[in-house]
PDB file of N, CA and C in Angstrom:
ATOM      1  N   MET A   1     -19.215  -5.676  12.853  1.00  0.00           N
ATOM      2  CA  MET A   1     -19.885  -6.457  12.731  1.00  0.00           C
ATOM      3  C   MET A   1     -20.493  -6.980  11.210  1.00  0.00           C
ATOM      4  N   GLY A   2     -20.473  -8.158  10.539  1.00  0.00           N
ATOM      5  CA  GLY A   2     -20.856  -7.985   9.333  1.00  0.00           C
ATOM      6  C   GLY A   2     -22.198  -8.631   9.003  1.00  0.00           C
ATOM      7  N   ALA A   3     -22.623  -9.024   7.756  1.00  0.00           N
ATOM      8  CA  ALA A   3     -24.105  -8.910   8.003  1.00  0.00           C
ATOM      9  C   ALA A   3     -24.373 -10.428   8.763  1.00  0.00           C
ATOM     10  N   LYS A   4     -23.831 -11.598   8.433  1.00  0.00           N
ATOM     11  CA  LYS A   4     -23.688 -12.569   8.917  1.00  0.00           C
ATOM     12  C   LYS A   4     -23.830 -12.743  11.022  1.00  0.00           C
ATOM     13  N   SER A   5     -22.764 -11.940  11.121  1.00  0.00           N
ATOM     14  CA  SER A   5     -22.402 -12.009  12.699  1.00  0.00           C
ATOM     15  C   SER A   5     -23.884 -11.453  13.051  1.00  0.00           C
ATOM     16  N   GLU A   6     -24.607 -10.093  12.353  1.00  0.00           N
ATOM     17  CA  GLU A   6     -25.076  -9.587  12.726  1.00  0.00           C
ATOM     18  C   GLU A   6     -26.585 -10.200  13.150  1.00  0.00           C
ATOM     19  N   ALA A   7     -27.037 -10.980  11.747  1.00  0.00           N
ATOM     20  CA  ALA A   7     -28.365 -12.279  11.598  1.00  0.00           C
ATOM     21  C   ALA A   7     -27.890 -13.233  12.849  1.00  0.00           C
ATOM     22  N   PHE A   8     -26.875 -13.473  13.183  1.00  0.00           N
ATOM     23  CA  PHE A   8     -26.768 -14.059  13.976  1.00  0.00           C
ATOM     24  C   PHE A   8     -26.718 -13.877  15.692  1.00  0.00           C
ATOM     25  N   ALA A   9     -26.304 -12.505  16.003  1.00  0.00           N
ATOM     26  CA  ALA A   9     -26.650 -11.711  17.088  1.00  0.00           C
ATOM     27  C   ALA A   9     -28.171 -11.320  17.118  1.00  0.00           C
ATOM     28  N   ARG A  10     -28.776 -10.619  16.263  1.00  0.00           N
ATOM     29  CA  ARG A  10     -30.471 -10.687  16.247  1.00  0.00           C
ATOM     30  C   ARG A  10     -31.147 -11.818  17.211  1.00  0.00           C
ATOM     31  N   GLN A  11     -30.894 -13.085  15.831  1.00  0.00           N
ATOM     32  CA  GLN A  11     -31.182 -14.260  16.337  1.00  0.00           C
ATOM     33  C   GLN A  11     -30.918 -14.846  17.868  1.00  0.00           C
ATOM     34  N   ALA A  12     -29.640 -14.327  18.170  1.00  0.00           N
ATOM     35  CA  ALA A  12     -29.566 -14.667  19.745  1.00  0.00           C
ATOM     36  C   ALA A  12     -30.075 -14.131  20.623  1.00  0.00           C
ATOM     37  N   LEU A  13     -30.172 -12.898  20.595  1.00  0.00           N
ATOM     38  CA  LEU A  13     -31.203 -11.710  21.398  1.00  0.00           C
ATOM     39  C   LEU A  13     -32.504 -11.972  21.643  1.00  0.00           C
ATOM     40  N   ILE A  14     -33.141 -12.658  20.114  1.00  0.00           N
ATOM     41  CA  ILE A  14     -34.593 -13.010  20.267  1.00  0.00           C
ATOM     42  C   ILE A  14     -34.565 -14.232  21.344  1.00  0.00           C
ATOM     43  N   VAL A  15     -34.115 -15.216  21.409  1.00  0.00           N
ATOM     44  CA  VAL A  15     -34.086 -16.094  21.709  1.00  0.00           C
ATOM     45  C   VAL A  15     -33.609 -16.098  23.366  1.00  0.00           C
ATOM     46  N   ALA A  16     -32.796 -15.297  23.185  1.00  0.00           N
ATOM     47  CA  ALA A  16     -32.235 -15.021  25.192  1.00  0.00           C
ATOM     48  C   ALA A  16     -33.464 -14.024  25.680  1.00  0.00           C
ATOM     49  N   ARG A  17     -34.130 -12.925  25.151  1.00  0.00           N
ATOM     50  CA  ARG A  17     -35.532 -12.597  25.416  1.00  0.00           C
ATOM     51  C   ARG A  17     -36.789 -13.506  25.654  1.00  0.00           C
ATOM     52  N   GLN A  18     -36.844 -14.480  24.494  1.00  0.00           N
ATOM     53  CA  GLN A  18     -37.984 -15.631  25.131  1.00  0.00           C
ATOM     54  C   GLN A  18     -37.439 -16.239  26.321  1.00  0.00           C
ATOM     55  N   ASN A  19     -36.351 -16.505  26.516  1.00  0.00           N
ATOM     56  CA  ASN A  19     -36.005 -17.301  27.565  1.00  0.00           C
ATOM     57  C   ASN A  19     -35.439 -16.440  28.712  1.00  0.00           C
ATOM     58  N   ILE A  20     -35.842 -15.857  29.079  1.00  0.00           N
ATOM     59  CA  ILE A  20     -34.570 -14.510  30.004  1.00  0.00           C
ATOM     60  C   ILE A  20     -35.060 -15.379  30.943  1.00  0.00           C
ATOM     61  N   ALA A  21     -35.983 -16.005  31.614  1.00  0.00           N
ATOM     62  CA  ALA A  21     -35.889 -16.551  33.084  1.00  0.00           C
ATOM     63  C   ALA A  21     -35.148 -17.819  33.137  1.00  0.00           C
ATOM     64  N   ARG A  22     -34.671 -18.102  32.294  1.00  0.00           N
ATOM     65  CA  ARG A  22     -33.723 -19.075  32.187  1.00  0.00           C
ATOM     66  C   ARG A  22     -31.659 -18.813  32.222  1.00  0.00           C
ATOM     67  N   LEU A  23     -31.849 -17.303  32.232  1.00  0.00           N
ATOM     68  CA  LEU A  23     -30.808 -16.295  31.970  1.00  0.00           C
ATOM     69  C   LEU A  23     -29.961 -16.429  33.608  1.00  0.00           C
ATOM     70  N   HIS A  24     -28.952 -16.384  33.821  1.00  0.00           N
ATOM     71  CA  HIS A  24     -28.199 -15.722  34.867  1.00  0.00           C
ATOM     72  C   HIS A  24     -28.973 -14.353  34.896  1.00  0.00           C
ATOM     73  N   PRO A  25     -28.641 -13.890  36.607  1.00  0.00           N
ATOM     74  CA  PRO A  25     -29.647 -12.510  36.594  1.00  0.00           C
ATOM     75  C   PRO A  25     -28.487 -11.628  36.080  1.00  0.00           C
ATOM     76  N   ASP A  26     -27.399 -11.813  36.041  1.00  0.00           N
ATOM     77  CA  ASP A  26     -26.101 -10.477  35.201  1.00  0.00           C
ATOM     78  C   ASP A  26     -26.539 -10.720  33.428  1.00  0.00           C
ATOM     79  N   MET A  27     -26.446 -11.913  33.065  1.00  0.00           N
ATOM     80  CA  MET A  27     -26.703 -11.778  31.740  1.00  0.00           C
ATOM     81  C   MET A  27     -28.438 -11.162  31.471  1.00  0.00           C
ATOM     82  N   ALA A  28     -29.331 -11.248  32.098  1.00  0.00           N
ATOM     83  CA  ALA A  28     -30.426 -10.749  32.121  1.00  0.00           C
ATOM     84  C   ALA A  28     -30.386  -9.329  31.920  1.00  0.00           C
ATOM     85  N   ALA A  29     -29.574  -9.129  32.904  1.00  0.00           N
ATOM     86  CA  ALA A  29     -29.807  -7.395  33.210  1.00  0.00           C
ATOM     87  C   ALA A  29     -28.467  -6.820  31.602  1.00  0.00           C
ATOM     88  N   GLU A  30     -27.769  -7.592  31.481  1.00  0.00           N
ATOM     89  CA  GLU A  30     -26.625  -7.294  30.504  1.00  0.00           C
ATOM     90  C   GLU A  30     -27.783  -7.047  28.841  1.00  0.00           C
ATOM     91  N   LEU A  31     -28.390  -7.978  28.887  1.00  0.00           N
ATOM     92  CA  LEU A  31     -29.672  -8.355  27.771  1.00  0.00           C
ATOM     93  C   LEU A  31     -30.049  -6.902  27.314  1.00  0.00           C
ATOM     94  N   LEU A  32     -30.447  -6.430  28.293  1.00  0.00           N
ATOM     95  CA  LEU A  32     -30.940  -4.698  28.376  1.00  0.00           C
ATOM     96  C   LEU A  32     -30.171  -3.990  27.779  1.00  0.00           C
ATOM     97  N   ASP A  33     -29.029  -3.901  27.991  1.00  0.00           N
ATOM     98  CA  ASP A  33     -28.152  -3.051  27.691  1.00  0.00           C
ATOM     99  C   ASP A  33     -27.662  -3.565  26.256  1.00  0.00           C
ATOM    100  N   VAL A  34     -27.415  -4.861  25.792  1.00  0.00           N
ATOM    101  CA  VAL A  34     -27.081  -4.746  24.560  1.00  0.00           C
ATOM    102  C   VAL A  34     -28.309  -4.498  23.721  1.00  0.00           C
ATOM    103  N   GLU A  35     -29.831  -4.971  24.142  1.00  0.00           N
ATOM    104  CA  GLU A  35     -30.564  -4.567  23.325  1.00  0.00           C
ATOM    105  C   GLU A  35     -30.556  -2.947  22.800  1.00  0.00           C
ATOM    106  N   SER A  36     -30.226  -2.232  23.482  1.00  0.00           N
ATOM    107  CA  SER A  36     -30.249  -0.918  23.102  1.00  0.00           C
ATOM    108  C   SER A  36     -29.088  -0.557  22.645  1.00  0.00           C
ATOM    109  N   ASP A  37     -28.041  -1.336  22.480  1.00  0.00           N
ATOM    110  CA  ASP A  37     -27.003  -1.252  22.154  1.00  0.00           C
ATOM    111  C   ASP A  37     -27.480  -1.455  20.068  1.00  0.00           C
ATOM    112  N   LEU A  38     -28.125  -2.470  20.139  1.00  0.00           N
ATOM    113  CA  LEU A  38     -28.609  -2.719  18.866  1.00  0.00           C
ATOM    114  C   LEU A  38     -29.651  -1.528  18.196  1.00  0.00           C
ATOM    115  N   ALA A  39     -30.647  -1.211  18.983  1.00  0.00           N
ATOM    116  CA  ALA A  39     -31.368  -0.114  18.946  1.00  0.00           C
ATOM    117  C   ALA A  39     -30.598   0.970  18.242  1.00  0.00           C
ATOM    118  N   ALA A  40     -29.378   1.041  19.095  1.00  0.00           N
ATOM    119  CA  ALA A  40     -28.463   2.499  18.566  1.00  0.00           C
ATOM    120  C   ALA A  40     -27.749   2.603  17.475  1.00  0.00           C
ATOM    121  N   LEU A  41     -27.716   1.287  17.248  1.00  0.00           N
ATOM    122  CA  LEU A  41     -26.660   0.966  15.783  1.00  0.00           C
ATOM    123  C   LEU A  41     -28.070   0.564  14.567  1.00  0.00           C
ATOM    124  N   ASP A  42     -29.184   0.679  14.975  1.00  0.00           N
ATOM    125  CA  ASP A  42     -29.978   0.453  13.824  1.00  0.00           C
ATOM    126  C   ASP A  42     -30.572   1.868  13.785  1.00  0.00           C
ATOM    127  N   ALA A  43     -30.548   3.067  14.444  1.00  0.00           N
ATOM    128  CA  ALA A  43     -31.126   4.362  14.749  1.00  0.00           C
ATOM    129  C   ALA A  43     -29.440   4.721  13.945  1.00  0.00           C
ATOM    130  N   LEU A  44     -28.504   4.473  14.108  1.00  0.00           N
ATOM    131  CA  LEU A  44     -27.436   5.290  13.257  1.00  0.00           C
ATOM    132  C   LEU A  44     -26.965   5.099  11.773  1.00  0.00           C
ATOM    133  N   ARG A  45     -27.327   3.902  11.366  1.00  0.00           N
ATOM    134  CA  ARG A  45     -27.235   3.101  10.136  1.00  0.00           C
ATOM    135  C   ARG A  45     -27.967   4.674   8.870  1.00  0.00           C
ATOM    136  N   PRO A  46     -29.136   4.512   9.255  1.00  0.00           N
ATOM    137  CA  PRO A  46     -29.625   5.787   8.324  1.00  0.00           C
ATOM    138  C   PRO A  46     -28.872   6.828   8.576  1.00  0.00           C
ATOM    139  N   ARG A  47     -27.906   7.430   9.320  1.00  0.00           N
ATOM    140  CA  ARG A  47     -26.919   8.777   9.143  1.00  0.00           C
ATOM    141  C   ARG A  47     -25.688   8.319   8.855  1.00  0.00           C
ATOM    142  N   LEU A  48     -25.384   6.761   8.556  1.00  0.00           N
ATOM    143  CA  LEU A  48     -24.134   6.736   8.383  1.00  0.00           C
ATOM    144  C   LEU A  48     -24.235   6.326   6.686  1.00  0.00           C
ATOM    145  N   ALA A  49     -25.461   6.309   6.447  1.00  0.00           N
ATOM    146  CA  ALA A  49     -25.945   5.714   4.638  1.00  0.00           C
ATOM    147  C   ALA A  49     -25.533   7.594   4.094  1.00  0.00           C
ATOM    148  N   ARG A  50     -25.961   8.358   4.878  1.00  0.00           N
ATOM    149  CA  ARG A  50     -26.162   9.604   4.371  1.00  0.00           C
ATOM    150  C   ARG A  50     -24.586  10.326   4.476  1.00  0.00           C
ATOM    151  N   LEU A  51     -24.297  10.170   5.837  1.00  0.00           N
ATOM    152  CA  LEU A  51     -22.825  10.550   5.319  1.00  0.00           C
ATOM    153  C   LEU A  51     -21.861  10.135   4.262  1.00  0.00           C
ATOM    154  N   THR A  52     -22.292   8.289   4.052  1.00  0.00           N
ATOM    155  CA  THR A  52     -21.006   7.951   3.065  1.00  0.00           C
ATOM    156  C   THR A  52     -21.927   8.437   1.636  1.00  0.00           C
ATOM    157  N   SER A  53     -22.983   8.604   1.480  1.00  0.00           N
ATOM    158  CA  SER A  53     -23.390   9.431   0.369  1.00  0.00           C
ATOM    159  C   SER A  53     -22.482  10.733  -0.186  1.00  0.00           C
ATOM    160  N   LEU A  54     -22.597  11.618   0.887  1.00  0.00           N
ATOM    161  CA  LEU A  54     -22.091  13.160   1.134  1.00  0.00           C
ATOM    162  C   LEU A  54     -20.634  12.984   0.792  1.00  0.00           C
ATOM    163  N   HIS A  55     -19.960  12.177   1.198  1.00  0.00           N
ATOM    164  CA  HIS A  55     -18.605  11.540   0.923  1.00  0.00           C
ATOM    165  C   HIS A  55     -18.147  11.359  -0.170  1.00  0.00           C
ATOM    166  N   GLU A  56     -19.250  10.581  -0.363  1.00  0.00           N
ATOM    167  CA  GLU A  56     -18.871  10.230  -2.301  1.00  0.00           C
ATOM    168  C   GLU A  56     -18.925  10.871  -3.252  1.00  0.00           C
ATOM    169  N   LYS A  57     -20.122  11.735  -3.157  1.00  0.00           N
ATOM    170  CA  LYS A  57     -20.777  12.972  -3.807  1.00  0.00           C
ATOM    171  C   LYS A  57     -19.416  14.213  -3.757  1.00  0.00           C
ATOM    172  N   SER A  58     -19.039  14.784  -2.714  1.00  0.00           N
ATOM    173  CA  SER A  58     -17.519  15.291  -2.385  1.00  0.00           C
ATOM    174  C   SER A  58     -16.305  14.929  -3.449  1.00  0.00           C
ATOM    175  N   ASP A  59     -16.266  13.763  -3.172  1.00  0.00           N
ATOM    176  CA  ASP A  59     -15.089  12.763  -3.844  1.00  0.00           C
ATOM    177  C   ASP A  59     -15.326  13.265  -4.973  1.00  0.00           C
ATOM    178  N   ASP A  60     -16.412  12.873  -5.267  1.00  0.00           N
ATOM    179  CA  ASP A  60     -16.404  13.312  -7.166  1.00  0.00           C
ATOM    180  C   ASP A  60     -16.509  14.355  -7.499  1.00  0.00           C
ATOM    181  N   SER A  61     -17.065  15.536  -6.882  1.00  0.00           N
ATOM    182  CA  SER A  61     -16.852  16.986  -6.952  1.00  0.00           C
ATOM    183  C   SER A  61     -15.240  17.372  -7.059  1.00  0.00           C
ATOM    184  N   SER A  62     -14.882  16.703  -5.938  1.00  0.00           N
ATOM    185  CA  SER A  62     -13.108  17.171  -6.071  1.00  0.00           C
ATOM    186  C   SER A  62     -12.791  16.741  -7.572  1.00  0.00           C
ATOM    187  N   VAL A  63     -12.871  15.156  -7.602  1.00  0.00           N
ATOM    188  CA  VAL A  63     -12.186  14.669  -9.016  1.00  0.00           C
ATOM    189  C   VAL A  63     -12.573  15.673 -10.174  1.00  0.00           C
ATOM    190  N   ALA A  64     -13.760  16.098 -10.194  1.00  0.00           N
ATOM    191  CA  ALA A  64     -14.466  16.381 -11.519  1.00  0.00           C
ATOM    192  C   ALA A  64     -13.561  18.074 -11.721  1.00  0.00           C
ATOM    193  N   LEU A  65     -13.891  18.976  -9.959  1.00  0.00           N
ATOM    194  CA  LEU A  65     -13.222  20.151 -10.305  1.00  0.00           C
ATOM    195  C   LEU A  65     -11.563  19.937 -10.525  1.00  0.00           C
ATOM    196  N   GLY A  66     -11.078  19.127  -9.773  1.00  0.00           N
ATOM    197  CA  GLY A  66      -9.603  19.122 -10.286  1.00  0.00           C
ATOM    198  C   GLY A  66      -9.015  18.788 -11.479  1.00  0.00           C
ATOM    199  N   SER A  67      -9.910  17.634 -12.361  1.00  0.00           N
ATOM    200  CA  SER A  67      -9.686  17.757 -13.717  1.00  0.00           C
ATOM    201  C   SER A  67      -9.767  18.538 -14.678  1.00  0.00           C
ATOM    202  N   ASP A  68     -11.076  19.658 -14.364  1.00  0.00           N
ATOM    203  CA  ASP A  68     -11.020  20.928 -15.109  1.00  0.00           C
ATOM    204  C   ASP A  68     -10.184  21.674 -14.982  1.00  0.00           C
ATOM    205  N   VAL A  69      -9.388  21.667 -13.709  1.00  0.00           N
ATOM    206  CA  VAL A  69      -8.353  22.619 -13.669  1.00  0.00           C
ATOM    207  C   VAL A  69      -7.417  22.090 -14.254  1.00  0.00           C
ATOM    208  N   MET A  70      -6.776  20.644 -14.682  1.00  0.00           N
ATOM    209  CA  MET A  70      -5.684  20.226 -14.844  1.00  0.00           C
ATOM    210  C   MET A  70      -5.953  20.525 -16.232  1.00  0.00           C
ATOM    211  N   VAL A  71      -7.262  20.104 -16.663  1.00  0.00           N
ATOM    212  CA  VAL A  71      -7.120  20.351 -18.647  1.00  0.00           C
ATOM    213  C   VAL A  71      -6.829  21.243 -18.789  1.00  0.00           C
ATOM    214  N   PHE A  72      -7.761  22.720 -18.015  1.00  0.00           N
ATOM    215  CA  PHE A  72      -7.232  24.052 -18.657  1.00  0.00           C
ATOM    216  C   PHE A  72      -5.932  24.758 -18.547  1.00  0.00           C
ATOM    217  N   THR A  73      -5.040  23.895 -17.493  1.00  0.00           N
ATOM    218  CA  THR A  73      -3.668  24.255 -17.272  1.00  0.00           C
ATOM    219  C   THR A  73      -2.670  23.688 -18.303  1.00  0.00           C
ATOM    220  N   LEU A  74      -3.116  22.555 -18.491  1.00  0.00           N
ATOM    221  CA  LEU A  74      -2.533  21.717 -19.850  1.00  0.00           C
ATOM    222  C   LEU A  74      -2.625  22.495 -20.442  1.00  0.00           C
ATOM    223  N   SER A  75      -3.595  23.164 -21.240  1.00  0.00           N
ATOM    224  CA  SER A  75      -3.704  24.085 -22.265  1.00  0.00           C
ATOM    225  C   SER A  75      -2.757  24.936 -22.675  1.00  0.00           C
ATOM    226  N   ILE A  76      -3.120  25.545 -21.034  1.00  0.00           N
ATOM    227  CA  ILE A  76      -1.664  26.736 -21.049  1.00  0.00           C
ATOM    228  C   ILE A  76      -0.530  26.479 -21.180  1.00  0.00           C
ATOM    229  N   TYR A  77      -0.136  25.305 -21.042  1.00  0.00           N
ATOM    230  CA  TYR A  77       0.887  24.644 -20.867  1.00  0.00           C
ATOM    231  C   TYR A  77       1.851  24.603 -22.476  1.00  0.00           C
ATOM    232  N   GLY A  78       1.044  24.243 -22.870  1.00  0.00           N
ATOM    233  CA  GLY A  78       0.996  23.498 -24.589  1.00  0.00           C
ATOM    234  C   GLY A  78       0.915  24.980 -25.307  1.00  0.00           C
ATOM    235  N   VAL A  79       0.195  26.143 -25.089  1.00  0.00           N
ATOM    236  CA  VAL A  79       0.290  27.299 -25.278  1.00  0.00           C
ATOM    237  C   VAL A  79       1.716  27.935 -25.317  1.00  0.00           C
ATOM    238  N   LEU A  80       2.340  28.038 -24.108  1.00  0.00           N
ATOM    239  CA  LEU A  80       3.405  28.479 -23.614  1.00  0.00           C
ATOM    240  C   LEU A  80       4.891  27.933 -24.347  1.00  0.00           C
ATOM    241  N   LYS A  81       4.209  26.144 -24.383  1.00  0.00           N
ATOM    242  CA  LYS A  81       5.527  25.643 -25.398  1.00  0.00           C
ATOM    243  C   LYS A  81       5.570  26.057 -26.652  1.00  0.00           C
ATOM    244  N   ALA A  82       4.411  26.584 -27.197  1.00  0.00           N
ATOM    245  CA  ALA A  82       4.444  26.812 -28.922  1.00  0.00           C
ATOM    246  C   ALA A  82       4.556  27.982 -28.832  1.00  0.00           C
ATOM    247  N   LEU A  83       4.885  28.947 -27.955  1.00  0.00           N
ATOM    248  CA  LEU A  83       5.255  30.384 -28.000  1.00  0.00           C
ATOM    249  C   LEU A  83       6.804  30.211 -28.218  1.00  0.00           C
ATOM    250  N   GLY A  84       7.441  29.471 -27.650  1.00  0.00           N
ATOM    251  CA  GLY A  84       8.745  29.290 -27.977  1.00  0.00           C
ATOM    252  C   GLY A  84       9.801  30.573 -27.175  1.00  0.00           C
ATOM    253  N   ALA A  85      11.118  29.945 -27.118  1.00  0.00           N
ATOM    254  CA  ALA A  85      12.066  30.894 -26.490  1.00  0.00           C
ATOM    255  C   ALA A  85      11.846  32.259 -26.905  1.00  0.00           C
ATOM    256  N   GLY A  86      12.062  33.341 -26.132  1.00  0.00           N
ATOM    257  CA  GLY A  86      11.921  34.632 -26.185  1.00  0.00           C
ATOM    258  C   GLY A  86      10.537  35.530 -26.194  1.00  0.00           C
ATOM    259  N   ALA A  87       9.681  35.151 -25.659  1.00  0.00           N
ATOM    260  CA  ALA A  87       8.771  35.441 -25.602  1.00  0.00           C
ATOM    261  C   ALA A  87       8.591  35.884 -24.030  1.00  0.00           C
ATOM    262  N   GLY A  88       9.371  35.657 -23.403  1.00  0.00           N
ATOM    263  CA  GLY A  88       9.460  36.651 -22.100  1.00  0.00           C
ATOM    264  C   GLY A  88       8.968  35.482 -20.789  1.00  0.00           C
ATOM    265  N   LEU A  89       8.853  34.088 -21.301  1.00  0.00           N
ATOM    266  CA  LEU A  89       7.810  33.309 -20.666  1.00  0.00           C
ATOM    267  C   LEU A  89       9.236  32.307 -20.441  1.00  0.00           C
ATOM    268  N   ASP A  90      10.253  32.388 -20.318  1.00  0.00           N
ATOM    269  CA  ASP A  90      11.152  31.365 -20.361  1.00  0.00           C
ATOM    270  C   ASP A  90      11.200  30.539 -19.160  1.00  0.00           C
ATOM    271  N   GLU A  91      11.071  31.823 -17.801  1.00  0.00           N
ATOM    272  CA  GLU A  91      11.158  30.779 -16.694  1.00  0.00           C
ATOM    273  C   GLU A  91       9.976  30.594 -16.031  1.00  0.00           C
ATOM    274  N   LEU A  92       9.321  31.144 -16.406  1.00  0.00           N
ATOM    275  CA  LEU A  92       7.662  30.475 -16.188  1.00  0.00           C
ATOM    276  C   LEU A  92       7.320  28.988 -16.519  1.00  0.00           C
ATOM    277  N   LYS A  93       7.909  28.633 -18.048  1.00  0.00           N
ATOM    278  CA  LYS A  93       7.603  27.736 -18.813  1.00  0.00           C
ATOM    279  C   LYS A  93       8.607  26.696 -18.224  1.00  0.00           C
ATOM    280  N   ALA A  94       9.749  26.931 -17.555  1.00  0.00           N
ATOM    281  CA  ALA A  94      10.748  25.905 -17.054  1.00  0.00           C
ATOM    282  C   ALA A  94      10.448  25.474 -15.674  1.00  0.00           C
ATOM    283  N   GLN A  95       9.449  26.674 -14.650  1.00  0.00           N
ATOM    284  CA  GLN A  95       9.009  25.936 -13.423  1.00  0.00           C
ATOM    285  C   GLN A  95       7.599  25.154 -14.011  1.00  0.00           C
ATOM    286  N   MET A  96       7.120  25.237 -15.015  1.00  0.00           N
ATOM    287  CA  MET A  96       5.821  24.485 -15.149  1.00  0.00           C
ATOM    288  C   MET A  96       6.343  23.524 -15.471  1.00  0.00           C
ATOM    289  N   SER A  97       7.809  23.101 -16.776  1.00  0.00           N
ATOM    290  CA  SER A  97       7.803  22.173 -17.248  1.00  0.00           C
ATOM    291  C   SER A  97       8.531  20.906 -15.900  1.00  0.00           C
ATOM    292  N   SER A  98       8.801  21.415 -14.615  1.00  0.00           N
ATOM    293  CA  SER A  98       9.275  20.317 -13.416  1.00  0.00           C
ATOM    294  C   SER A  98       8.204  19.486 -13.052  1.00  0.00           C
ATOM    295  N   ARG A  99       6.676  19.913 -13.632  1.00  0.00           N
ATOM    296  CA  ARG A  99       5.744  18.684 -13.504  1.00  0.00           C
ATOM    297  C   ARG A  99       5.984  17.603 -13.780  1.00  0.00           C
ATOM    298  N   PHE A 100       6.618  17.717 -15.516  1.00  0.00           N
ATOM    299  CA  PHE A 100       6.783  16.465 -16.115  1.00  0.00           C
ATOM    300  C   PHE A 100       8.271  16.190 -16.449  1.00  0.00           C
ATOM    301  N   ASN A 101       8.874  16.687 -15.397  1.00  0.00           N
ATOM    302  CA  ASN A 101      10.704  15.768 -15.446  1.00  0.00           C
ATOM    303  C   ASN A 101      10.587  14.664 -14.373  1.00  0.00           C
ATOM    304  N   ARG A 102      11.279  13.986 -14.859  1.00  0.00           N
ATOM    305  CA  ARG A 102      11.249  12.654 -14.239  1.00  0.00           C
ATOM    306  C   ARG A 102      12.286  12.399 -13.633  1.00  0.00           C
ATOM    307  N   GLY A 103      12.876  12.087 -12.643  1.00  0.00           N
ATOM    308  CA  GLY A 103      14.195  12.170 -11.761  1.00  0.00           C
ATOM    309  C   GLY A 103      14.845  10.758 -12.669  1.00  0.00           C
ATOM    310  N   PRO A 104      16.108  10.570 -12.469  1.00  0.00           N
ATOM    311  CA  PRO A 104      16.680   9.400 -13.237  1.00  0.00           C
ATOM    312  C   PRO A 104      16.410   8.206 -12.425  1.00  0.00           C
ATOM    313  N   ARG A 105      15.376   7.150 -13.415  1.00  0.00           N
ATOM    314  CA  ARG A 105      15.276   5.760 -12.805  1.00  0.00           C
ATOM    315  C   ARG A 105      16.271   5.357 -11.856  1.00  0.00           C
ATOM    316  N   ALA A 106      16.177   4.423 -10.839  1.00  0.00           N
ATOM    317  CA  ALA A 106      16.956   3.589 -10.278  1.00  0.00           C
ATOM    318  C   ALA A 106      17.267   2.283 -10.830  1.00  0.00           C
ATOM    319  N   THR A 107      18.766   1.929 -10.738  1.00  0.00           N
ATOM    320  CA  THR A 107      18.996   0.541 -11.595  1.00  0.00           C
ATOM    321  C   THR A 107      18.547  -0.305 -10.407  1.00  0.00           C
ATOM    322  N   PRO A 108      18.152  -1.656 -10.595  1.00  0.00           N
ATOM    323  CA  PRO A 108      17.704  -2.343  -9.563  1.00  0.00           C
ATOM    324  C   PRO A 108      19.433  -2.831  -9.346  1.00  0.00           C
ATOM    325  N   THR A 109      19.563  -3.274  -8.374  1.00  0.00           N
ATOM    326  CA  THR A 109      21.049  -4.094  -7.787  1.00  0.00           C
ATOM    327  C   THR A 109      20.873  -5.698  -7.864  1.00  0.00           C
ATOM    328  N   PRO A 110      21.322  -6.244  -8.410  1.00  0.00           N
ATOM    329  CA  PRO A 110      21.503  -7.634  -8.458  1.00  0.00           C
ATOM    330  C   PRO A 110      21.492  -8.761  -6.806  1.00  0.00           C
ATOM    331  N   PRO A 111      20.770  -9.337  -6.608  1.00  0.00           N
ATOM    332  CA  PRO A 111      20.831  -9.712  -5.219  1.00  0.00           C
ATOM    333  C   PRO A 111      22.241 -10.413  -5.017  1.00  0.00           C
ATOM    334  N   ALA A 112      22.594 -10.767  -3.787  1.00  0.00           N
ATOM    335  CA  ALA A 112      23.993 -10.825  -3.657  1.00  0.00           C
ATOM    336  C   ALA A 112      24.110 -12.500  -3.630  1.00  0.00           C
ATOM    337  N   ASN A 113      25.127 -12.820  -4.301  1.00  0.00           N
ATOM    338  CA  ASN A 113      24.918 -14.611  -4.064  1.00  0.00           C
ATOM    339  C   ASN A 113      25.816 -15.052  -3.092  1.00  0.00           C
ATOM    340  N   GLY A 114      24.961 -16.160  -2.368  1.00  0.00           N
ATOM    341  CA  GLY A 114      25.673 -16.275  -0.975  1.00  0.00           C
ATOM    342  C   GLY A 114      25.165 -17.503  -0.010  1.00  0.00           C
TER     343      GLY A 114
END
């Protein structure tokens, strides 16, 4: 429920509460349930805000940690490349270089005339 819908709903509930005697008995009974739902939603919101904040912080931490690992391992890869052949690291360098190998690019097929 967006902000405008929520404002509408809150106002409608206020008006319904003020005019409860005019409502059908079933609607009057349901009004209590809906007011309870709104109270539960209000109670849930601070928890959702904390969870959202925690999720954002954990994402930030994940990105920062991954960046630290990648920067360091790229430095290692650079050192291995600089050592050149014959250092006994050829197999390891080949495995690591697969990270940077790009497959052949697909050539676009021209549209069929028809």
